[in-house]
Amino acid sequence: SVGVRGPAGMPTLSRRSKIAIGVGAAILILLLVGPRLVSITTDWLWFSDLGYTRVFSTITWTRVVLFVVTTIVVGLIIFGAVAMAYRSRPVFVPASGPNDPLARYRATVTARPRWFAITPAVIIGLLAGLVAQGSWATVQTFLHGQQFGVRDAQFGLDVSFYAFDLPFYRFVLNLLFVVVVVAFLANLVTHYLFGGIRLGGGSSPSMSTAARIQLASLAGTFLVLKAIAYWFDRYSLLSSTRKQEIFTGASYTDINAVLPSKLILMSIAIICA
């Protein structure tokens, strides 16, 4: 089932193997998507029978838009992290030996660099889109939130902020946290594969200037997001369950100890960023 060898000495698949892989992938997709299509059809029939097709279409389109937008945004971020590391790679990377495995990987990727950047971006983007579309209710409540006319005693914000806005901001922050961490790892691995980061001794620096700048920028972005998260943590104290056996809400400790500590941590995160 193995044909001739490719440009980097890697074996290429024969036509029969490619057909078998394609059929297997089609069966896998059918097994994954089939039950979901049956579930969607059943829900559509049920909503139609009750006269709430508009509700069902709103939920469906919200999920579709969330999936598409998240997939594109996350995919572009991951693609950018890999592409920047690849374009700023050193011109010459000395091999550690005649059987250096990284040299073979570099030769293979150099033959098709676009696939090296596009493939992980597409896979991670699709996974992020699948996760994000499950938060359709959070997005809809944010888009259609209304004022309650009642303000909290601590921050003076309308209570609708805690019901409609804060969960959405948390959703966006959590998504960005994951994306930045994955982009950092993708950039790190790419720099390592192409010699921007070299392990071991020697007189030459172990990390190139481009790798240092890019990784530091991603780490700084993560710390900025952490500072923003600390800021929103203050509002979450008003629904704290620290004293669940007595009441739900901000306790004396939350207001006089935890709240100032959140501001201190936010300041530290900004300084570190």
C-alpha atoms as a PDB file:
ATOM      1  CA  SER A   1       0.000   0.000   0.000  1.00  0.00           C
ATOM      2  CA  VAL A   2       3.060   2.259   0.097  1.00  0.00           C
ATOM      3  CA  GLY A   3       4.098   3.911  -3.153  1.00  0.00           C
ATOM      4  CA  VAL A   4       7.223   5.807  -4.122  1.00  0.00           C
ATOM      5  CA  ARG A   5       9.065   8.021  -1.694  1.00  0.00           C
ATOM      6  CA  GLY A   6       8.366  11.731  -1.501  1.00  0.00           C
ATOM      7  CA  PRO A   7      10.760  14.694  -1.752  1.00  0.00           C
ATOM      8  CA  ALA A   8      12.012  14.288   1.820  1.00  0.00           C
ATOM      9  CA  GLY A   9      12.397  10.531   1.614  1.00  0.00           C
ATOM     10  CA  MET A  10       9.005  10.002   3.191  1.00  0.00           C
ATOM     11  CA  PRO A  11       6.859   7.201   1.667  1.00  0.00           C
ATOM     12  CA  THR A  12       3.721   8.270  -0.188  1.00  0.00           C
ATOM     13  CA  LEU A  13       0.435   6.379  -0.111  1.00  0.00           C
ATOM     14  CA  SER A  14      -0.852   4.461  -3.099  1.00  0.00           C
ATOM     15  CA  ARG A  15      -4.219   5.174  -4.709  1.00  0.00           C
ATOM     16  CA  ARG A  16      -5.813   2.190  -2.988  1.00  0.00           C
ATOM     17  CA  SER A  17      -4.655   3.406   0.427  1.00  0.00           C
ATOM     18  CA  LYS A  18      -5.956   6.903  -0.239  1.00  0.00           C
ATOM     19  CA  ILE A  19      -9.369   5.509  -1.220  1.00  0.00           C
ATOM     20  CA  ALA A  20      -9.479   3.360   1.932  1.00  0.00           C
ATOM     21  CA  ILE A  21      -8.595   6.352   4.103  1.00  0.00           C
ATOM     22  CA  GLY A  22     -11.234   8.480   2.370  1.00  0.00           C
ATOM     23  CA  VAL A  23     -13.932   5.843   2.875  1.00  0.00           C
ATOM     24  CA  GLY A  24     -12.960   5.443   6.529  1.00  0.00           C
ATOM     25  CA  ALA A  25     -13.083   9.205   7.071  1.00  0.00           C
ATOM     26  CA  ALA A  26     -16.507   9.397   5.390  1.00  0.00           C
ATOM     27  CA  ILE A  27     -17.867   6.623   7.633  1.00  0.00           C
ATOM     28  CA  LEU A  28     -16.456   8.355  10.724  1.00  0.00           C
ATOM     29  CA  ILE A  29     -18.037  11.661   9.738  1.00  0.00           C
ATOM     30  CA  LEU A  30     -21.365   9.914   9.101  1.00  0.00           C
ATOM     31  CA  LEU A  31     -21.275   8.259  12.521  1.00  0.00           C
ATOM     32  CA  LEU A  32     -20.515  11.582  14.179  1.00  0.00           C
ATOM     33  CA  VAL A  33     -22.912  13.780  12.219  1.00  0.00           C
ATOM     34  CA  GLY A  34     -25.743  11.280  11.618  1.00  0.00           C
ATOM     35  CA  PRO A  35     -27.129  11.138  15.184  1.00  0.00           C
ATOM     36  CA  ARG A  36     -26.895  14.923  15.411  1.00  0.00           C
ATOM     37  CA  LEU A  37     -28.926  15.364  12.237  1.00  0.00           C
ATOM     38  CA  VAL A  38     -31.567  12.978  13.560  1.00  0.00           C
ATOM     39  CA  SER A  39     -31.736  14.963  16.808  1.00  0.00           C
ATOM     40  CA  ILE A  40     -32.060  18.288  14.946  1.00  0.00           C
ATOM     41  CA  THR A  41     -34.832  16.879  12.733  1.00  0.00           C
ATOM     42  CA  THR A  42     -36.742  15.587  15.760  1.00  0.00           C
ATOM     43  CA  ASP A  43     -36.434  18.931  17.557  1.00  0.00           C
ATOM     44  CA  TRP A  44     -37.593  20.770  14.437  1.00  0.00           C
ATOM     45  CA  LEU A  45     -40.712  18.593  14.193  1.00  0.00           C
ATOM     46  CA  TRP A  46     -41.467  19.115  17.888  1.00  0.00           C
ATOM     47  CA  PHE A  47     -41.047  22.918  17.741  1.00  0.00           C
ATOM     48  CA  SER A  48     -43.116  23.033  14.546  1.00  0.00           C
ATOM     49  CA  ASP A  49     -45.933  21.097  16.163  1.00  0.00           C
ATOM     50  CA  LEU A  50     -46.026  23.620  19.024  1.00  0.00           C
ATOM     51  CA  GLY A  51     -45.833  26.603  16.685  1.00  0.00           C
ATOM     52  CA  TYR A  52     -42.413  27.771  17.887  1.00  0.00           C
ATOM     53  CA  THR A  53     -40.369  27.351  14.727  1.00  0.00           C
ATOM     54  CA  ARG A  54     -38.998  30.896  15.157  1.00  0.00           C
ATOM     55  CA  VAL A  55     -37.533  29.936  18.523  1.00  0.00           C
ATOM     56  CA  PHE A  56     -35.865  26.882  17.028  1.00  0.00           C
ATOM     57  CA  SER A  57     -34.492  28.842  14.054  1.00  0.00           C
ATOM     58  CA  THR A  58     -33.092  31.515  16.398  1.00  0.00           C
ATOM     59  CA  ILE A  59     -31.278  28.893  18.451  1.00  0.00           C
ATOM     60  CA  THR A  60     -29.971  27.136  15.339  1.00  0.00           C
ATOM     61  CA  TRP A  61     -28.720  30.273  13.606  1.00  0.00           C
ATOM     62  CA  THR A  62     -27.112  31.551  16.806  1.00  0.00           C
ATOM     63  CA  ARG A  63     -25.181  28.294  17.066  1.00  0.00           C
ATOM     64  CA  VAL A  64     -24.183  28.430  13.400  1.00  0.00           C
ATOM     65  CA  VAL A  65     -22.964  32.046  13.621  1.00  0.00           C
ATOM     66  CA  LEU A  66     -21.095  31.336  16.850  1.00  0.00           C
ATOM     67  CA  PHE A  67     -19.447  28.293  15.295  1.00  0.00           C
ATOM     68  CA  VAL A  68     -18.398  30.119  12.124  1.00  0.00           C
ATOM     69  CA  VAL A  69     -17.149  33.294  13.849  1.00  0.00           C
ATOM     70  CA  THR A  70     -15.245  31.409  16.556  1.00  0.00           C
ATOM     71  CA  THR A  71     -13.717  29.004  14.034  1.00  0.00           C
ATOM     72  CA  ILE A  72     -12.493  31.848  11.808  1.00  0.00           C
ATOM     73  CA  VAL A  73     -11.147  34.029  14.639  1.00  0.00           C
ATOM     74  CA  VAL A  74      -9.426  31.194  16.504  1.00  0.00           C
ATOM     75  CA  GLY A  75      -8.096  29.696  13.276  1.00  0.00           C
ATOM     76  CA  LEU A  76      -6.584  33.028  12.206  1.00  0.00           C
ATOM     77  CA  ILE A  77      -4.917  33.504  15.595  1.00  0.00           C
ATOM     78  CA  ILE A  78      -3.349  30.033  15.529  1.00  0.00           C
ATOM     79  CA  PHE A  79      -2.366  30.452  11.886  1.00  0.00           C
ATOM     80  CA  GLY A  80      -0.740  33.797  12.682  1.00  0.00           C
ATOM     81  CA  ALA A  81       1.221  32.317  15.598  1.00  0.00           C
ATOM     82  CA  VAL A  82       2.586  29.487  13.434  1.00  0.00           C
ATOM     83  CA  ALA A  83       3.188  31.666  10.370  1.00  0.00           C
ATOM     84  CA  MET A  84       5.124  34.317  12.307  1.00  0.00           C
ATOM     85  CA  ALA A  85       7.375  31.686  13.842  1.00  0.00           C
ATOM     86  CA  TYR A  86       7.966  30.045  10.460  1.00  0.00           C
ATOM     87  CA  ARG A  87       8.743  33.295   8.626  1.00  0.00           C
ATOM     88  CA  SER A  88      11.193  34.445  11.300  1.00  0.00           C
ATOM     89  CA  ARG A  89      13.041  31.112  11.401  1.00  0.00           C
ATOM     90  CA  PRO A  90      16.872  31.169  11.227  1.00  0.00           C
ATOM     91  CA  VAL A  91      18.361  30.932   7.740  1.00  0.00           C
ATOM     92  CA  PHE A  92      20.743  28.167   8.728  1.00  0.00           C
ATOM     93  CA  VAL A  93      20.108  25.602  11.459  1.00  0.00           C
ATOM     94  CA  PRO A  94      22.972  23.212  12.223  1.00  0.00           C
ATOM     95  CA  ALA A  95      21.929  19.574  12.540  1.00  0.00           C
ATOM     96  CA  SER A  96      22.717  17.803  15.784  1.00  0.00           C
ATOM     97  CA  GLY A  97      23.868  14.699  13.883  1.00  0.00           C
ATOM     98  CA  PRO A  98      23.455  12.647  10.714  1.00  0.00           C
ATOM     99  CA  ASN A  99      20.205  11.160  12.042  1.00  0.00           C
ATOM    100  CA  ASP A 100      18.692  14.355  13.395  1.00  0.00           C
ATOM    101  CA  PRO A 101      14.883  13.767  13.335  1.00  0.00           C
ATOM    102  CA  LEU A 102      14.145  17.505  13.352  1.00  0.00           C
ATOM    103  CA  ALA A 103      16.063  17.922  10.094  1.00  0.00           C
ATOM    104  CA  ARG A 104      13.717  15.455   8.382  1.00  0.00           C
ATOM    105  CA  TYR A 105      10.656  17.258   9.759  1.00  0.00           C
ATOM    106  CA  ARG A 106      12.029  20.604   8.600  1.00  0.00           C
ATOM    107  CA  ALA A 107      12.617  19.253   5.104  1.00  0.00           C
ATOM    108  CA  THR A 108       9.089  17.823   4.951  1.00  0.00           C
ATOM    109  CA  VAL A 109       7.437  21.013   6.208  1.00  0.00           C
ATOM    110  CA  THR A 110       9.522  23.273   3.988  1.00  0.00           C
ATOM    111  CA  ALA A 111       8.163  21.399   0.957  1.00  0.00           C
ATOM    112  CA  ARG A 112       4.572  22.303   1.983  1.00  0.00           C
ATOM    113  CA  PRO A 113       4.730  25.160   4.509  1.00  0.00           C
ATOM    114  CA  ARG A 114       1.118  26.276   4.023  1.00  0.00           C
ATOM    115  CA  TRP A 115      -0.261  22.915   5.129  1.00  0.00           C
ATOM    116  CA  PHE A 116       1.937  23.060   8.212  1.00  0.00           C
ATOM    117  CA  ALA A 117       0.265  26.329   9.286  1.00  0.00           C
ATOM    118  CA  ILE A 118      -3.247  25.742   7.953  1.00  0.00           C
ATOM    119  CA  THR A 119      -3.864  22.222   9.294  1.00  0.00           C
ATOM    120  CA  PRO A 120      -3.498  22.945  13.038  1.00  0.00           C
ATOM    121  CA  ALA A 121      -5.337  26.255  12.613  1.00  0.00           C
ATOM    122  CA  VAL A 122      -8.326  24.519  10.993  1.00  0.00           C
ATOM    123  CA  ILE A 123      -8.434  21.676  13.530  1.00  0.00           C
ATOM    124  CA  ILE A 124      -8.150  23.918  16.590  1.00  0.00           C
ATOM    125  CA  GLY A 125     -10.572  26.444  15.091  1.00  0.00           C
ATOM    126  CA  LEU A 126     -13.198  23.757  14.479  1.00  0.00           C
ATOM    127  CA  LEU A 127     -12.825  22.404  18.013  1.00  0.00           C
ATOM    128  CA  ALA A 128     -13.164  25.910  19.452  1.00  0.00           C
ATOM    129  CA  GLY A 129     -16.238  26.541  17.292  1.00  0.00           C
ATOM    130  CA  LEU A 130     -17.878  23.333  18.477  1.00  0.00           C
ATOM    131  CA  VAL A 131     -17.310  24.318  22.102  1.00  0.00           C
ATOM    132  CA  ALA A 132     -18.415  27.943  21.630  1.00  0.00           C
ATOM    133  CA  GLN A 133     -21.687  27.133  19.878  1.00  0.00           C
ATOM    134  CA  GLY A 134     -22.918  25.491  23.080  1.00  0.00           C
ATOM    135  CA  SER A 135     -23.000  28.947  24.729  1.00  0.00           C
ATOM    136  CA  TRP A 136     -25.748  30.257  22.456  1.00  0.00           C
ATOM    137  CA  ALA A 137     -27.990  31.106  25.430  1.00  0.00           C
ATOM    138  CA  THR A 138     -25.278  33.299  26.965  1.00  0.00           C
ATOM    139  CA  VAL A 139     -24.960  35.244  23.701  1.00  0.00           C
ATOM    140  CA  GLN A 140     -28.708  35.642  23.246  1.00  0.00           C
ATOM    141  CA  THR A 141     -29.264  36.909  26.794  1.00  0.00           C
ATOM    142  CA  PHE A 142     -26.437  39.388  26.276  1.00  0.00           C
ATOM    143  CA  LEU A 143     -27.937  40.656  23.011  1.00  0.00           C
ATOM    144  CA  HIS A 144     -31.474  40.961  24.403  1.00  0.00           C
ATOM    145  CA  GLY A 145     -30.813  41.965  28.007  1.00  0.00           C
ATOM    146  CA  GLN A 146     -33.052  44.613  29.604  1.00  0.00           C
ATOM    147  CA  GLN A 147     -32.548  46.982  32.494  1.00  0.00           C
ATOM    148  CA  PHE A 148     -34.031  45.856  35.825  1.00  0.00           C
ATOM    149  CA  GLY A 149     -34.182  49.329  37.334  1.00  0.00           C
ATOM    150  CA  VAL A 150     -32.465  48.091  40.511  1.00  0.00           C
ATOM    151  CA  ARG A 151     -28.832  48.865  41.345  1.00  0.00           C
ATOM    152  CA  ASP A 152     -26.542  46.885  43.614  1.00  0.00           C
ATOM    153  CA  ALA A 153     -25.312  48.566  46.778  1.00  0.00           C
ATOM    154  CA  GLN A 154     -21.606  47.849  46.239  1.00  0.00           C
ATOM    155  CA  PHE A 155     -20.793  48.936  42.684  1.00  0.00           C
ATOM    156  CA  GLY A 156     -23.934  50.853  41.763  1.00  0.00           C
ATOM    157  CA  LEU A 157     -24.564  48.814  38.599  1.00  0.00           C
ATOM    158  CA  ASP A 158     -27.959  47.740  37.352  1.00  0.00           C
ATOM    159  CA  VAL A 159     -28.684  44.149  38.358  1.00  0.00           C
ATOM    160  CA  SER A 160     -29.149  43.267  34.668  1.00  0.00           C
ATOM    161  CA  PHE A 161     -25.357  43.528  34.283  1.00  0.00           C
ATOM    162  CA  TYR A 162     -24.906  40.461  36.488  1.00  0.00           C
ATOM    163  CA  ALA A 163     -27.693  38.523  34.765  1.00  0.00           C
ATOM    164  CA  PHE A 164     -26.968  39.318  31.108  1.00  0.00           C
ATOM    165  CA  ASP A 165     -23.574  40.980  30.583  1.00  0.00           C
ATOM    166  CA  LEU A 166     -21.149  39.404  33.067  1.00  0.00           C
ATOM    167  CA  PRO A 167     -21.687  35.787  31.876  1.00  0.00           C
ATOM    168  CA  PHE A 168     -20.964  36.871  28.286  1.00  0.00           C
ATOM    169  CA  TYR A 169     -17.762  38.677  29.264  1.00  0.00           C
ATOM    170  CA  ARG A 170     -16.699  35.570  31.172  1.00  0.00           C
ATOM    171  CA  PHE A 171     -17.390  33.410  28.139  1.00  0.00           C
ATOM    172  CA  VAL A 172     -15.263  35.619  25.868  1.00  0.00           C
ATOM    173  CA  LEU A 173     -12.426  35.796  28.392  1.00  0.00           C
ATOM    174  CA  ASN A 174     -12.317  32.037  28.922  1.00  0.00           C
ATOM    175  CA  LEU A 175     -12.220  31.484  25.171  1.00  0.00           C
ATOM    176  CA  LEU A 176      -9.400  33.990  24.722  1.00  0.00           C
ATOM    177  CA  PHE A 177      -7.446  32.396  27.570  1.00  0.00           C
ATOM    178  CA  VAL A 178      -7.483  29.023  25.843  1.00  0.00           C
ATOM    179  CA  VAL A 179      -6.670  30.476  22.419  1.00  0.00           C
ATOM    180  CA  VAL A 180      -3.690  32.485  23.679  1.00  0.00           C
ATOM    181  CA  VAL A 181      -2.268  29.453  25.522  1.00  0.00           C
ATOM    182  CA  VAL A 182      -2.644  27.251  22.418  1.00  0.00           C
ATOM    183  CA  ALA A 183      -1.126  29.981  20.221  1.00  0.00           C
ATOM    184  CA  PHE A 184       1.810  30.224  22.635  1.00  0.00           C
ATOM    185  CA  LEU A 185       2.400  26.462  22.440  1.00  0.00           C
ATOM    186  CA  ALA A 186       2.052  26.444  18.645  1.00  0.00           C
ATOM    187  CA  ASN A 187       4.536  29.303  18.329  1.00  0.00           C
ATOM    188  CA  LEU A 188       6.911  27.598  20.769  1.00  0.00           C
ATOM    189  CA  VAL A 189       6.838  24.263  18.926  1.00  0.00           C
ATOM    190  CA  THR A 190       7.335  25.939  15.536  1.00  0.00           C
ATOM    191  CA  HIS A 191      10.339  27.895  16.777  1.00  0.00           C
ATOM    192  CA  TYR A 192      11.802  24.706  18.227  1.00  0.00           C
ATOM    193  CA  LEU A 193      11.315  22.720  15.011  1.00  0.00           C
ATOM    194  CA  PHE A 194      12.956  25.386  12.871  1.00  0.00           C
ATOM    195  CA  GLY A 195      15.846  26.257  15.156  1.00  0.00           C
ATOM    196  CA  GLY A 196      14.540  29.441  16.765  1.00  0.00           C
ATOM    197  CA  ILE A 197      14.852  27.631  20.096  1.00  0.00           C
ATOM    198  CA  ARG A 198      17.795  25.291  20.576  1.00  0.00           C
ATOM    199  CA  LEU A 199      18.272  23.053  23.569  1.00  0.00           C
ATOM    200  CA  GLY A 200      21.684  22.080  24.882  1.00  0.00           C
ATOM    201  CA  GLY A 201      24.990  23.886  25.305  1.00  0.00           C
ATOM    202  CA  GLY A 202      27.091  25.859  22.899  1.00  0.00           C
ATOM    203  CA  SER A 203      28.222  29.448  22.515  1.00  0.00           C
ATOM    204  CA  SER A 204      25.258  30.519  20.363  1.00  0.00           C
ATOM    205  CA  PRO A 205      22.107  31.788  22.123  1.00  0.00           C
ATOM    206  CA  SER A 206      19.449  29.190  22.868  1.00  0.00           C
ATOM    207  CA  MET A 207      16.593  31.445  21.706  1.00  0.00           C
ATOM    208  CA  SER A 208      16.467  33.775  18.729  1.00  0.00           C
ATOM    209  CA  THR A 209      15.376  37.389  19.049  1.00  0.00           C
ATOM    210  CA  ALA A 210      12.212  36.739  17.021  1.00  0.00           C
ATOM    211  CA  ALA A 211      11.250  33.795  19.239  1.00  0.00           C
ATOM    212  CA  ARG A 212      11.873  35.835  22.365  1.00  0.00           C
ATOM    213  CA  ILE A 213       9.742  38.750  21.129  1.00  0.00           C
ATOM    214  CA  GLN A 214       6.841  36.603  19.894  1.00  0.00           C
ATOM    215  CA  LEU A 215       6.666  34.366  22.963  1.00  0.00           C
ATOM    216  CA  ALA A 216       6.978  37.360  25.285  1.00  0.00           C
ATOM    217  CA  SER A 217       4.171  39.133  23.410  1.00  0.00           C
ATOM    218  CA  LEU A 218       1.865  36.134  23.760  1.00  0.00           C
ATOM    219  CA  ALA A 219       2.735  35.779  27.441  1.00  0.00           C
ATOM    220  CA  GLY A 220       2.086  39.483  27.944  1.00  0.00           C
ATOM    221  CA  THR A 221      -1.275  39.170  26.212  1.00  0.00           C
ATOM    222  CA  PHE A 222      -2.183  36.338  28.579  1.00  0.00           C
ATOM    223  CA  LEU A 223      -1.314  38.508  31.585  1.00  0.00           C
ATOM    224  CA  VAL A 224      -3.392  41.398  30.228  1.00  0.00           C
ATOM    225  CA  LEU A 225      -6.351  39.017  29.908  1.00  0.00           C
ATOM    226  CA  LYS A 226      -5.674  37.844  33.458  1.00  0.00           C
ATOM    227  CA  ALA A 227      -5.794  41.437  34.672  1.00  0.00           C
ATOM    228  CA  ILE A 228      -9.155  41.915  32.963  1.00  0.00           C
ATOM    229  CA  ALA A 229     -10.381  38.683  34.569  1.00  0.00           C
ATOM    230  CA  TYR A 230      -9.383  39.993  38.011  1.00  0.00           C
ATOM    231  CA  TRP A 231     -11.399  43.136  37.302  1.00  0.00           C
ATOM    232  CA  PHE A 232     -14.521  41.101  36.517  1.00  0.00           C
ATOM    233  CA  ASP A 233     -13.853  38.854  39.528  1.00  0.00           C
ATOM    234  CA  ARG A 234     -14.873  41.801  41.686  1.00  0.00           C
ATOM    235  CA  TYR A 235     -18.400  41.675  40.324  1.00  0.00           C
ATOM    236  CA  SER A 236     -18.612  37.912  40.779  1.00  0.00           C
ATOM    237  CA  LEU A 237     -18.177  38.415  44.526  1.00  0.00           C
ATOM    238  CA  LEU A 238     -21.765  39.651  44.761  1.00  0.00           C
ATOM    239  CA  SER A 239     -22.970  36.134  43.857  1.00  0.00           C
ATOM    240  CA  SER A 240     -20.377  34.410  46.054  1.00  0.00           C
ATOM    241  CA  THR A 241     -21.357  31.181  47.823  1.00  0.00           C
ATOM    242  CA  ARG A 242     -18.565  31.426  50.393  1.00  0.00           C
ATOM    243  CA  LYS A 243     -21.192  31.616  53.160  1.00  0.00           C
ATOM    244  CA  GLN A 244     -23.611  29.254  51.480  1.00  0.00           C
ATOM    245  CA  GLU A 245     -24.846  27.875  54.784  1.00  0.00           C
ATOM    246  CA  ILE A 246     -25.995  31.398  55.752  1.00  0.00           C
ATOM    247  CA  PHE A 247     -26.657  33.370  52.575  1.00  0.00           C
ATOM    248  CA  THR A 248     -25.578  33.815  48.947  1.00  0.00           C
ATOM    249  CA  GLY A 249     -23.698  36.996  48.160  1.00  0.00           C
ATOM    250  CA  ALA A 250     -20.698  39.081  49.189  1.00  0.00           C
ATOM    251  CA  SER A 251     -19.702  38.547  52.815  1.00  0.00           C
ATOM    252  CA  TYR A 252     -17.680  40.873  55.050  1.00  0.00           C
ATOM    253  CA  THR A 253     -14.530  38.957  54.088  1.00  0.00           C
ATOM    254  CA  ASP A 254     -15.320  39.243  50.370  1.00  0.00           C
ATOM    255  CA  ILE A 255     -15.729  43.018  50.506  1.00  0.00           C
ATOM    256  CA  ASN A 256     -12.925  43.893  52.933  1.00  0.00           C
ATOM    257  CA  ALA A 257     -10.283  41.272  52.051  1.00  0.00           C
ATOM    258  CA  VAL A 258     -10.970  39.514  48.754  1.00  0.00           C
ATOM    259  CA  LEU A 259     -12.046  42.647  46.848  1.00  0.00           C
ATOM    260  CA  PRO A 260      -8.840  44.632  47.599  1.00  0.00           C
ATOM    261  CA  SER A 261      -6.742  41.539  46.838  1.00  0.00           C
ATOM    262  CA  LYS A 262      -8.315  41.307  43.374  1.00  0.00           C
ATOM    263  CA  LEU A 263      -7.239  44.894  42.647  1.00  0.00           C
ATOM    264  CA  ILE A 264      -3.724  44.147  43.911  1.00  0.00           C
ATOM    265  CA  LEU A 265      -3.487  41.038  41.706  1.00  0.00           C
ATOM    266  CA  MET A 266      -4.803  43.018  38.744  1.00  0.00           C
ATOM    267  CA  SER A 267      -2.091  45.630  39.248  1.00  0.00           C
ATOM    268  CA  ILE A 268       0.598  42.934  39.498  1.00  0.00           C
ATOM    269  CA  ALA A 269      -0.641  41.288  36.282  1.00  0.00           C
ATOM    270  CA  ILE A 270      -0.516  44.617  34.424  1.00  0.00           C
ATOM    271  CA  ILE A 271       3.018  45.346  35.676  1.00  0.00           C
ATOM    272  CA  CYS A 272       4.194  41.849  34.677  1.00  0.00           C
ATOM    273  CA  ALA A 273       2.576  42.208  31.246  1.00  0.00           C
END
